[in-house]
Structures are given as structure tokens and as C-alpha cells.
Amino acid sequence: MPLDAGQKLQGITAPISMEGPKPIDIHLSKKLEEYMRPFGVFESEEELAHRMDVLNKVNLLVREWIKDVSRRKNNIPENKIDSFGGMVCTFGSYRLGVHTKGADIDTLCVAPRHVERTDFFTSFIELLKEQSEVKELRAVEEAFVPVIKMSFDGIELDMTFARLALPTIPEDIDLKNESLLKNLDLKCVRSLNGCRVTDAILHLVPNVENFRMTLRAIKLWAKKKCIYSNSLGFLGGVSWAMLVARVCQLYPNADPSTLLQKFFMVYSKWEWPQPVLLTELSQENKLNFAVWDPRINPSDRFHLMPIITPAYPCQNSTFNVTNSTRQIMMDEFKEGLEATSEIYKQGEEGNWALLFGPSNFFQKYKHYIVLSCAAQEESSYLEWHGYIESKIRLLVGNLERNPFIRLAHVTPESHGPLDNSDHKFMCKWFIGLSFNKVENQNVDLTFDIQSFTNIVYKQAVHIKLYKDDMTVDIRHVKRKMLDQFVPPDVLVRGAKPRPAKKIHASTGNLQRLSTESQQQQPKTLPHSRSDTELVHVTGSEVIDLSGEDKPVNGSDEVIDLDKKNRNAEVIIIEDNERGKRPCDDNEIAQPTKKFKPAEQANTPMDVNLQSPNSLRKRDSSPPQCDTPVKRSKSLEEAQTGRISGSGSPMHTESVFGSPVGKGESGDGVGQGLAPVGEDKEPLQMDKGSCLPALPAGKPIEKVA
């Protein structure tokens, strides 16, 4: 039923709009539900009944386990054993009513005070191993919220543990009661907060059904865009639920289609780190637990994307968010707003496929980090896999702190062995790298990766998880090498149509010789093939050298500029077009002349004020030649050129500011300009192959 302004509304501010749905909103909401059904967003009645049956079996198993622990620890008569109670509660997406087909169920084991956490991770695990329905059992005891993961009769379960300060657990216990938190350790409080937060969210939204439908759509969208993972620095299910709940508070009478558009509108313009709150922060802390409050806790001021839970003690559910993951999500919010706005422009013909297109992660970056973990035994692999996944955000943090890396994008989707050459029990995660615009700079990632592997192995040994068959492998690969790690259908997922090749006629590009001009060249020049004559623009195909080697027509083929221009004797380069368009990730500015500190201080002022292009042209000219010409690199020079730097497997070099493999210069003009004063091998050439200096104002004429 629609709400009016006279009714009590939830939220820390008044609603933005109380307007109800229009006919177009209702129509698009129905189309949204129809579009999501093929993706397994809704479960059938049989599947729901199976989940209920699994939860009932697990609940009985927990009760039997508590009885066994009670017998061992207390001399209690058998007829009183049943009085201790114990139960399994659900939270997360299942309790919110938005779980999908095949999704896991978040559960909480509630036990009386004489059952300890060590019992949960020892005797209860042994009991689970005896159950034929239990598969893929593994414990993550060192996690922020310790959890046991398993598959019970085909349903994945994540089970946490909370030990209440009560002698018995009654059947009708209300976990929302704050008094239950007294005398509990922090891990038990965090475990209980799962149920308490879920119940609070459902209580704080004005329309539960509209909230659920909108949240289903957002969860599907987030998974399609590979930004659904709390452990890897994105948002988990509870965080997405709180974002949707806040939008529902701002538009209490809106339909799911409208709420979806408003979701992207609100959060694409949200001024982070302004927190998202569903209710006012409590002014008192009766139980003295740590609560999120930047006014009191200085460390809370450094959280990048705070989304605060509505149940005491209030916590930031997005503690793992990094600069990279926040930027990635903000970009996706903006794209989502564009997509939903376009759908509304289309009216009744609006197609929701515009919003739910897959991510183009493997087409988005030129450089990737491949993190692989493997083990010989399945039991070891399951433990090792969960442990490594919980640590990946540390590697992302190391990469982000590298001054040359602008963004490190990890995808939550892991990939298993590609063929028989891989380990049977192994998986791979991928991190896309975007580099800052730097010039002639080597980017060494050895320290960032070595420090991560040291922490991983050290902590694994400390918690007695590590076994001899467990391995971690980290390597750097280029986009064109990803087919060695990922199936072809995954590589092309989300790929956009390749644009047609453009032919530029501006003087800011490097022109290739046309067939006619090549045939008209004098055939009496046997000595030098690099500095013989000036080439005029003929309207033939143009190669853009404004950045590093770039794919042609969207392909990974890199043009060999030495080969293409081997017949071009002298090429004029005027880079006037560069300032007319922004650089993107695949295009780095041309390197300008570098000076040593002492030399830079002695450089005349008028030289410092010259255009970088003119400096580059003058330094690129042949000796004793004042004309700003670019000398094409000959084949012999390309073969004898020096390659500097170390050969570290994780050592990359930036040519024109773009990091490439060590020694992979790309093209003939891709070598960085050496600083003034460095010793260079003298250039060997004929006297006739160099153009003489021309007086000022005299035009350059073609040399016969």
C-alpha cells in the first residue's frame, strides 16, 4: 500500500519523492522480472523445499553435537541433556528472501556458554566429516568472522558460531535483544550481527516486496559486472542490500524499475566517503563495544566507502574497499545510470539487456597479473583455495601502493585448469593493471609480489595450514597471452564491436609511403635507407605514432614500424594533433627530452620554454643537421640496439609511458631518448645522406 507524508517513514532524512508508479514504470517492472527469470534469480517451490529440508537436517545435527559436548564436559544426567538447546539461524540473502538458484545459505550456530569455539572447529568438524551428505568441507578459522564452509546435500552452507552467555538456549530466543551481547567476545558479536543486521534492514524499508525485487536486480547486475565480492574489496550481499534499502527510503512509493534507475543516479553522484546510513548513529554505547564513529575513532576517517550496519554495534561493512575497487564501482554506477536512462527513453520497448551486459574485463587492460594456487590433494586444495582468496586484497593493496600503478582491478571470478598440463586441483585469479602516464620508466613489481607471497606462507605456517603440496604462483602476462590461461569464450565475453580502421590525413601522424611514391623513389641510393629524401603526404594509409604500439582494428597485432618504414628515408613528424584529444589508457604521451640535474640547471631559459615536440625533433635529427626530421631506425641498428635493465620475471618497462616486457621496444621509434651527455655510438652515414642546414626562412626542398 502506498505511503503518504503523514505516516512515519524510515531513514535519517525525509524522502526525496513520494510519487507513486506510472504506467510505464509498472510495465518496465514486469519486463524486468521477465528478463531476470532465465538467469536463475527465482527458485521453484521444489528447490525451496529442498533448502528447508537441508536446514532442518543441519539444525538436528547441531543439537546432537551440543548434547555430545555437554556429556563430555558436565556430569549431567541424561534426562537433562536435552534442556541445553541450541539452534541454527539464517541470515544474509536467504533471510532477506533474495537468494538465487544455487546460492549458498549463511547460517549461524547458536550454542550455550559451556560450548566453546574450539569445540566448533574440532569436534563439530569431525562430526560433519562423518556425514555422507557433506562435501567440500573446509574451515576458515583465521577469517574476520570465522566460518565453516561446506556443501550439504548439494546446498552450499557457510556456518558461523556464537556462544551466548546463557546456560540454555530457548526456542523462542530473540537475537535482536541487545542484552544478549553482554559478556561475549568480539568474534561472537560479529557472528550474531549477521542475523541482527538482516532483521534490521527488513524492518527499515517501506515496501519489502519492491525492496526484494530491486535487490535481486542489483545483485544480478553486480555479478555480471564482476563487482560482487566482499573479500576481494568490492561489496558483499549485505552491503548491496543496505544501498538498495537507502534508495527505498528516499523513494518509498516507487516501483522496482524506478528504484533501479534512482539507485544508479544516487550512487553515481554520491560524495564518498560520506557514509550511507539507514538509521541515526546511537549516541550512547552501553556495552562499550567498538562502533563506527569517525568523531571518536580516527581510523574510521580513512574508510573509503563506508556503508554502516543499522544494528548495534554499528560497523562499516565495506572495510575491504580499496581505491581501485571504489573507482571501478563508481565507473559501473555511471554506466548503469546511462543504461537505465536509455531504457526509459525507449519507453515500452525498453530492453533491460542494456543494463545486464557482461563485463569486458579481459578486453579492458593490456597487462594482467595471474595468481594461481594449487595442491596435490583435494582436501588440501579446498583449504588452500579459501585461504588464498581471503588474502588477495593484500596483493591488490601492494600493487596500489606502487607509484606507477593507477588501478589494480581483480575479478572475483576464478578459473580452474585450462588443460591437462595444469594441476588437477588449482585455480587462477586475474588482476588487470592500469599504469600512470610515465616516460621511459621501468616498473618493477618484484617487491610488491614477493612481500605478498612471504606474508601468505608465513601466516599459513603460523596457523598450521600449510602443507608441502601447496603452491602459489604469480606472473605478469599481456592481454594477447591470456589464451594460455583462460578459455576462448571467456576472453571474448563482453567484447564490444571493433571500430573500423580510421585513416588520418593530419600532419600529426606518421605517414606510410604509398605504392606510387615507393616506385618513384630513385634507385641510385644504395648506402643509406634512412636519411635520403623528404617524404610528402600522399593520402595513403596513416599510422598513428602519438602513443605506444597499438592494436590495429582492435586486434592484438602490433605494427612493426621498422618494417613498415624501412623504405621511408626521412619522415617529418609534426605532432600538432596530440593536444586536440585526450589520452586514454592505451595511449601514452611521447617522451620529451630528459636532462640530468646539473645539465638542467645550466640549460638556457629559452630552451626550457621550447615545445617538447621541437626538442624531440631536434634530438632525433642526424648529426650536423638542424632540420627537425625524424630518422627511421635501420634494420642493423634495431638488431644491435642495447637493452637496459634487469631480467626479473616481474620486471616491466615503460616505453612511451606504457609498461611492456623488458626489452620489448615495440617499434623503431619506441626507444627512450637518452639523457644529454651519455656516450653514444657514433652514427655511420654518407655525407650525401644528411640534409644540409638551411638558412632561416628558406623552405625545405626535395633532394634529388
Foldseek 3Di string as FASTA:
>chain_A
DQDDPVDDAFFPDAAQDSDADDPLQVLVLVVLVVVCVVVQFDDDPVVVVVVVVQQVVVFVLLLVLQLVLCVVPDPDDPVCSNQQHKGKDWFFCVLLVGDGPQDATEIETEGEQSDDPVCCVPVVLVVLVPDPQWDLWDWDCVDPQTWIWTQGNSHTYTYGYAYWHHSHDDPPDDLLDPVRCPPGDPNNVVRSVRHNLRVVLCVNALDSVQLSSLLSVVVLLCVLAQQEDLLQQHAHRSLSSLLLRLLCSNHVNYHSLVSQLVSLVDLLPDDPPPERDRHDQDPDDVRPDDAQDCVVDVVSVPQTHFYWGHGPRIDGSRNLHDPQSVVSVSVLSVQLNVLSVVQVVVGSPRDCCSRRAGHLVLLPAFKKKKKKKFFQDSSLLSHLVVLVSSLVSLLQVLQVPQQFWDHKAKGPDKADDPDPVDHPRMIIIMIGTFTDQDAFFKRFCVVSVVVSVVVSVVVCVVVVSDDPRIDMDMFMDTSVPCVNPDPPVVNCGPPDQFDAFDADQDLQFWDFDDPVVLVPDDPPDPFAQWQAKEDDRDSDGTDGPQFAFDDTSSDPDGDAVCVRCSNPHWTAHDNPCPVVDDDDRRGHGADFADADPVVVVVDDPVVVPDDSLQRVQQLQAAPQERDSIHTFDHPVCVVPPDFDDDQDRRMWTQFSRRTDHGPCQRYRPRDGDDYPPDDDDHDDDDPNSHDHYDDPPDDDDIDD
